[in-house]
C-alpha atoms as a PDB file:
ATOM      1  CA  MET A   1     115.260 -68.257  46.078  1.00  0.00           C
ATOM      2  CA  THR A   2     114.994 -71.883  45.023  1.00  0.00           C
ATOM      3  CA  SER A   3     114.065 -73.069  41.571  1.00  0.00           C
ATOM      4  CA  ARG A   4     112.412 -76.457  41.518  1.00  0.00           C
ATOM      5  CA  VAL A   5     112.851 -76.630  37.742  1.00  0.00           C
ATOM      6  CA  TYR A   6     116.498 -75.543  37.545  1.00  0.00           C
ATOM      7  CA  PRO A   7     118.138 -76.342  40.899  1.00  0.00           C
ATOM      8  CA  ASP A   8     121.645 -75.585  39.531  1.00  0.00           C
ATOM      9  CA  HIS A   9     120.796 -72.058  38.345  1.00  0.00           C
ATOM     10  CA  ASP A  10     123.305 -69.246  38.733  1.00  0.00           C
ATOM     11  CA  THR A  11     120.816 -66.588  39.864  1.00  0.00           C
ATOM     12  CA  ALA A  12     122.143 -64.413  42.661  1.00  0.00           C
ATOM     13  CA  ASP A  13     120.186 -64.329  45.907  1.00  0.00           C
ATOM     14  CA  VAL A  14     117.716 -61.464  45.652  1.00  0.00           C
ATOM     15  CA  ALA A  15     116.376 -59.764  48.768  1.00  0.00           C
ATOM     16  CA  ILE A  16     113.650 -57.124  48.849  1.00  0.00           C
ATOM     17  CA  GLY A  17     116.252 -54.608  50.071  1.00  0.00           C
ATOM     18  CA  ASP A  18     118.215 -55.148  46.854  1.00  0.00           C
ATOM     19  CA  ILE A  19     115.161 -54.299  44.774  1.00  0.00           C
ATOM     20  CA  LEU A  20     114.190 -51.284  46.886  1.00  0.00           C
ATOM     21  CA  GLY A  21     117.756 -49.973  47.116  1.00  0.00           C
ATOM     22  CA  ILE A  22     117.878 -50.098  50.917  1.00  0.00           C
ATOM     23  CA  GLY A  23     121.388 -49.291  52.102  1.00  0.00           C
ATOM     24  CA  GLU A  24     122.282 -47.582  48.824  1.00  0.00           C
ATOM     25  CA  ASP A  25     123.279 -43.954  48.423  1.00  0.00           C
ATOM     26  CA  PRO A  26     120.203 -41.839  49.324  1.00  0.00           C
ATOM     27  CA  ALA A  27     120.914 -39.654  46.277  1.00  0.00           C
ATOM     28  CA  ASN A  28     119.795 -42.612  44.142  1.00  0.00           C
ATOM     29  CA  ARG A  29     116.288 -42.194  45.563  1.00  0.00           C
ATOM     30  CA  GLU A  30     115.925 -38.476  44.889  1.00  0.00           C
ATOM     31  CA  ILE A  31     112.829 -37.820  42.830  1.00  0.00           C
ATOM     32  CA  GLN A  32     112.201 -34.735  40.738  1.00  0.00           C
ATOM     33  CA  THR A  33     108.778 -33.458  41.770  1.00  0.00           C
ATOM     34  CA  HIS A  34     108.690 -30.174  39.855  1.00  0.00           C
ATOM     35  CA  ALA A  35     109.431 -29.368  36.225  1.00  0.00           C
ATOM     36  CA  ASP A  36     108.398 -26.857  33.623  1.00  0.00           C
ATOM     37  CA  GLY A  37     105.163 -27.841  31.934  1.00  0.00           C
ATOM     38  CA  PRO A  38     104.443 -27.688  28.230  1.00  0.00           C
ATOM     39  CA  LYS A  39     104.316 -24.223  26.728  1.00  0.00           C
ATOM     40  CA  GLY A  40     100.940 -22.888  25.671  1.00  0.00           C
ATOM     41  CA  THR A  41      97.403 -22.678  26.979  1.00  0.00           C
ATOM     42  CA  VAL A  42      94.808 -25.429  27.174  1.00  0.00           C
ATOM     43  CA  PRO A  43      92.130 -24.337  24.667  1.00  0.00           C
ATOM     44  CA  PHE A  44      89.200 -24.027  27.067  1.00  0.00           C
ATOM     45  CA  THR A  45      86.296 -21.924  25.847  1.00  0.00           C
ATOM     46  CA  ALA A  46      83.220 -20.864  27.800  1.00  0.00           C
ATOM     47  CA  GLU A  47      81.129 -23.224  25.653  1.00  0.00           C
ATOM     48  CA  PHE A  48      83.515 -26.130  26.267  1.00  0.00           C
ATOM     49  CA  LEU A  49      83.539 -25.546  30.027  1.00  0.00           C
ATOM     50  CA  ILE A  50      79.726 -25.355  30.179  1.00  0.00           C
ATOM     51  CA  GLU A  51      78.759 -28.059  27.676  1.00  0.00           C
ATOM     52  CA  GLU A  52      81.420 -30.744  28.084  1.00  0.00           C
ATOM     53  CA  PRO A  53      81.635 -33.233  30.976  1.00  0.00           C
ATOM     54  CA  SER A  54      84.165 -32.283  33.656  1.00  0.00           C
ATOM     55  CA  GLY A  55      86.115 -35.425  32.770  1.00  0.00           C
ATOM     56  CA  ASN A  56      86.867 -33.912  29.358  1.00  0.00           C
ATOM     57  CA  HIS A  57      88.280 -30.805  31.059  1.00  0.00           C
ATOM     58  CA  PHE A  58      90.419 -32.978  33.329  1.00  0.00           C
ATOM     59  CA  GLY A  59      91.523 -35.150  30.395  1.00  0.00           C
ATOM     60  CA  MET A  60      92.752 -32.142  28.440  1.00  0.00           C
ATOM     61  CA  THR A  61      94.866 -30.975  31.371  1.00  0.00           C
ATOM     62  CA  GLN A  62      96.272 -34.499  31.737  1.00  0.00           C
ATOM     63  CA  ASN A  63      97.118 -34.627  28.018  1.00  0.00           C
ATOM     64  CA  ALA A  64      98.944 -31.297  28.244  1.00  0.00           C
ATOM     65  CA  GLY A  65     100.630 -32.421  31.459  1.00  0.00           C
ATOM     66  CA  MET A  66     101.999 -35.486  29.659  1.00  0.00           C
ATOM     67  CA  GLY A  67     103.622 -33.141  27.170  1.00  0.00           C
ATOM     68  CA  TRP A  68     101.158 -32.943  24.267  1.00  0.00           C
ATOM     69  CA  ASN A  69     101.161 -29.554  22.559  1.00  0.00           C
ATOM     70  CA  PRO A  70      98.144 -27.686  24.015  1.00  0.00           C
ATOM     71  CA  SER A  71      97.308 -26.174  20.613  1.00  0.00           C
ATOM     72  CA  GLU A  72      96.712 -29.724  19.278  1.00  0.00           C
ATOM     73  CA  LEU A  73      94.412 -30.955  22.053  1.00  0.00           C
ATOM     74  CA  MET A  74      91.183 -30.482  20.074  1.00  0.00           C
ATOM     75  CA  ARG A  75      92.279 -32.902  17.338  1.00  0.00           C
ATOM     76  CA  LYS A  76      90.513 -36.247  16.919  1.00  0.00           C
ATOM     77  CA  GLN A  77      91.629 -38.807  19.460  1.00  0.00           C
ATOM     78  CA  PHE A  78      92.257 -42.498  18.830  1.00  0.00           C
ATOM     79  CA  ILE A  79      93.106 -45.232  21.314  1.00  0.00           C
ATOM     80  CA  ILE A  80      95.262 -48.216  20.424  1.00  0.00           C
ATOM     81  CA  LEU A  81      94.569 -51.213  22.672  1.00  0.00           C
ATOM     82  CA  SER A  82      97.073 -54.026  22.828  1.00  0.00           C
ATOM     83  CA  THR A  83      98.165 -57.078  24.771  1.00  0.00           C
ATOM     84  CA  VAL A  84     101.754 -55.808  24.909  1.00  0.00           C
ATOM     85  CA  GLY A  85     103.950 -57.362  27.564  1.00  0.00           C
ATOM     86  CA  GLY A  86     107.630 -57.448  28.416  1.00  0.00           C
ATOM     87  CA  ILE A  87     110.127 -54.612  28.163  1.00  0.00           C
ATOM     88  CA  LYS A  88     112.963 -54.270  25.705  1.00  0.00           C
ATOM     89  CA  ASP A  89     115.887 -51.890  25.520  1.00  0.00           C
ATOM     90  CA  GLU A  90     116.278 -49.351  22.720  1.00  0.00           C
ATOM     91  CA  ASP A  91     118.568 -51.812  20.914  1.00  0.00           C
ATOM     92  CA  GLY A  92     115.859 -54.506  21.073  1.00  0.00           C
ATOM     93  CA  SER A  93     117.482 -56.642  23.765  1.00  0.00           C
ATOM     94  CA  PRO A  94     115.144 -57.866  26.514  1.00  0.00           C
ATOM     95  CA  ILE A  95     115.037 -56.135  29.890  1.00  0.00           C
ATOM     96  CA  ALA A  96     112.008 -58.097  31.154  1.00  0.00           C
ATOM     97  CA  LEU A  97     110.542 -60.944  29.155  1.00  0.00           C
ATOM     98  CA  GLY A  98     106.922 -61.152  28.125  1.00  0.00           C
ATOM     99  CA  LEU A  99     105.049 -64.407  28.467  1.00  0.00           C
ATOM    100  CA  HIS A 100     105.353 -64.960  24.703  1.00  0.00           C
ATOM    101  CA  THR A 101     107.325 -63.577  21.781  1.00  0.00           C
ATOM    102  CA  GLY A 102     104.417 -61.609  20.361  1.00  0.00           C
ATOM    103  CA  HIS A 103     104.603 -59.136  23.227  1.00  0.00           C
ATOM    104  CA  PHE A 104     107.716 -57.410  21.880  1.00  0.00           C
ATOM    105  CA  GLU A 105     106.477 -57.203  18.302  1.00  0.00           C
ATOM    106  CA  LEU A 106     103.153 -55.741  19.417  1.00  0.00           C
ATOM    107  CA  ARG A 107     104.949 -52.884  21.159  1.00  0.00           C
ATOM    108  CA  ASP A 108     106.666 -52.033  17.865  1.00  0.00           C
ATOM    109  CA  MET A 109     103.348 -52.213  15.993  1.00  0.00           C
ATOM    110  CA  VAL A 110     101.628 -49.951  18.538  1.00  0.00           C
ATOM    111  CA  THR A 111     104.486 -47.452  18.263  1.00  0.00           C
ATOM    112  CA  ASP A 112     104.265 -47.441  14.455  1.00  0.00           C
ATOM    113  CA  ALA A 113     100.477 -46.998  14.534  1.00  0.00           C
ATOM    114  CA  ALA A 114     100.723 -44.137  17.046  1.00  0.00           C
ATOM    115  CA  GLU A 115     103.412 -42.385  15.003  1.00  0.00           C
ATOM    116  CA  GLU A 116     101.241 -42.644  11.878  1.00  0.00           C
ATOM    117  CA  LEU A 117      98.168 -41.298  13.683  1.00  0.00           C
ATOM    118  CA  LYS A 118     100.260 -38.407  14.991  1.00  0.00           C
ATOM    119  CA  LYS A 119     101.463 -37.644  11.433  1.00  0.00           C
ATOM    120  CA  LEU A 120      97.786 -37.543  10.407  1.00  0.00           C
ATOM    121  CA  LYS A 121      97.241 -34.748  12.959  1.00  0.00           C
ATOM    122  CA  SER A 122      95.339 -36.739  15.551  1.00  0.00           C
ATOM    123  CA  VAL A 123      96.015 -37.449  19.222  1.00  0.00           C
ATOM    124  CA  PRO A 124      96.885 -41.134  19.696  1.00  0.00           C
ATOM    125  CA  PHE A 125      96.608 -42.900  23.047  1.00  0.00           C
ATOM    126  CA  ALA A 126      97.871 -46.394  23.871  1.00  0.00           C
ATOM    127  CA  ALA A 127      96.664 -48.704  26.636  1.00  0.00           C
ATOM    128  CA  PHE A 128      97.575 -52.270  27.447  1.00  0.00           C
ATOM    129  CA  CYS A 129      96.156 -55.390  29.068  1.00  0.00           C
ATOM    130  CA  SER A 130      98.691 -58.158  28.715  1.00  0.00           C
ATOM    131  CA  ASP A 131      97.825 -61.782  28.074  1.00  0.00           C
ATOM    132  CA  PRO A 132      99.017 -65.235  29.113  1.00  0.00           C
ATOM    133  CA  CYS A 133     100.742 -67.760  26.882  1.00  0.00           C
ATOM    134  CA  ASP A 134      98.601 -70.804  26.175  1.00  0.00           C
ATOM    135  CA  GLY A 135     101.610 -73.006  25.437  1.00  0.00           C
ATOM    136  CA  ARG A 136     103.456 -71.948  28.576  1.00  0.00           C
ATOM    137  CA  THR A 137     100.574 -73.048  30.812  1.00  0.00           C
ATOM    138  CA  GLN A 138      99.900 -76.457  29.218  1.00  0.00           C
ATOM    139  CA  GLY A 139      99.999 -79.223  31.801  1.00  0.00           C
ATOM    140  CA  THR A 140      99.601 -76.760  34.681  1.00  0.00           C
ATOM    141  CA  THR A 141      96.610 -75.303  36.488  1.00  0.00           C
ATOM    142  CA  GLY A 142      97.312 -72.084  34.564  1.00  0.00           C
ATOM    143  CA  MET A 143      95.767 -73.652  31.465  1.00  0.00           C
ATOM    144  CA  LEU A 144      92.373 -73.406  33.183  1.00  0.00           C
ATOM    145  CA  ASP A 145      92.683 -69.604  33.018  1.00  0.00           C
ATOM    146  CA  SER A 146      93.674 -69.292  29.385  1.00  0.00           C
ATOM    147  CA  LEU A 147      90.268 -69.200  27.685  1.00  0.00           C
ATOM    148  CA  PRO A 148      88.408 -67.417  30.514  1.00  0.00           C
ATOM    149  CA  TYR A 149      91.140 -64.782  30.366  1.00  0.00           C
ATOM    150  CA  ARG A 150      90.050 -63.867  26.823  1.00  0.00           C
ATOM    151  CA  ASN A 151      86.622 -62.837  28.145  1.00  0.00           C
ATOM    152  CA  ASP A 152      88.180 -60.920  31.038  1.00  0.00           C
ATOM    153  CA  ALA A 153      90.550 -59.080  28.703  1.00  0.00           C
ATOM    154  CA  ALA A 154      87.686 -58.179  26.366  1.00  0.00           C
ATOM    155  CA  GLN A 155      85.875 -56.580  29.320  1.00  0.00           C
ATOM    156  CA  VAL A 156      89.005 -54.705  30.377  1.00  0.00           C
ATOM    157  CA  PHE A 157      89.533 -53.410  26.826  1.00  0.00           C
ATOM    158  CA  ARG A 158      85.913 -52.233  26.615  1.00  0.00           C
ATOM    159  CA  ARG A 159      86.344 -50.380  29.895  1.00  0.00           C
ATOM    160  CA  ILE A 160      89.623 -48.839  28.788  1.00  0.00           C
ATOM    161  CA  ALA A 161      88.050 -47.697  25.504  1.00  0.00           C
ATOM    162  CA  ARG A 162      85.168 -46.100  27.436  1.00  0.00           C
ATOM    163  CA  SER A 163      87.754 -44.308  29.587  1.00  0.00           C
ATOM    164  CA  LEU A 164      88.561 -42.170  26.554  1.00  0.00           C
ATOM    165  CA  PRO A 165      85.037 -40.917  25.779  1.00  0.00           C
ATOM    166  CA  THR A 166      86.449 -38.338  23.365  1.00  0.00           C
ATOM    167  CA  GLY A 167      88.088 -41.062  21.273  1.00  0.00           C
ATOM    168  CA  ALA A 168      86.920 -41.223  17.676  1.00  0.00           C
ATOM    169  CA  ARG A 169      87.929 -44.861  17.217  1.00  0.00           C
ATOM    170  CA  SER A 170      89.625 -47.761  18.978  1.00  0.00           C
ATOM    171  CA  PHE A 171      92.175 -50.090  17.422  1.00  0.00           C
ATOM    172  CA  GLY A 172      93.056 -53.439  18.938  1.00  0.00           C
ATOM    173  CA  GLY A 173      96.207 -55.511  18.893  1.00  0.00           C
ATOM    174  CA  CYS A 174      95.687 -59.238  18.517  1.00  0.00           C
ATOM    175  CA  PHE A 175      96.438 -62.075  20.871  1.00  0.00           C
ATOM    176  CA  LEU A 176      99.415 -63.986  19.505  1.00  0.00           C
END
C-alpha cells in the first residue's frame, strides 16, 4: 500500500488474507448459528393475520428475532434516521473514523433518542445513510458529489422511512 500524500507513513503492509484471517486458527472463524430466541409469543390475532399486509407479519417476527419483547410489539413504532458514520469504542475512542466529526456525536444523539422513546413505551428503530464531508473534498473531484449527494440521501431516507410502514413518525438527524 502506497500513500501519495504521506510517503513516510508507518502503516503495516495489509493483505486481503490479513483482513479475512486466512492462515489463522480456524476456531476464530466459528460462527454461532443457533441460539435461544426471545421468550414469549408474537401477538398475532386472526384479525391481524387477515387484515394486515404480510410484511407487517414478517416485520413482527423480525422485531422479536432481534430481541424485542414480543408482548411489546404492538406499541407505536418510530424510526430515527441519521447520517451516522464511523465507529467508536465504548470508551469513546475511535475504531473507524467517520468522514467528519459530527458522525460520532450523531450516534450518541440517536442512542439517547431511542432510549427516550423506549422509556415512553414505544418501539424505536434506527437506520443510517452516511454523508460525505464537504471540506474534505474541496479541491478534488469529490466536491462535485457533495450537493447532489444531499438529494440522493433524501431519497434514501424517504425509502427507508417507507420500509417501516407501521411507523408512527420519523425523526431525522442533521447533516453536520
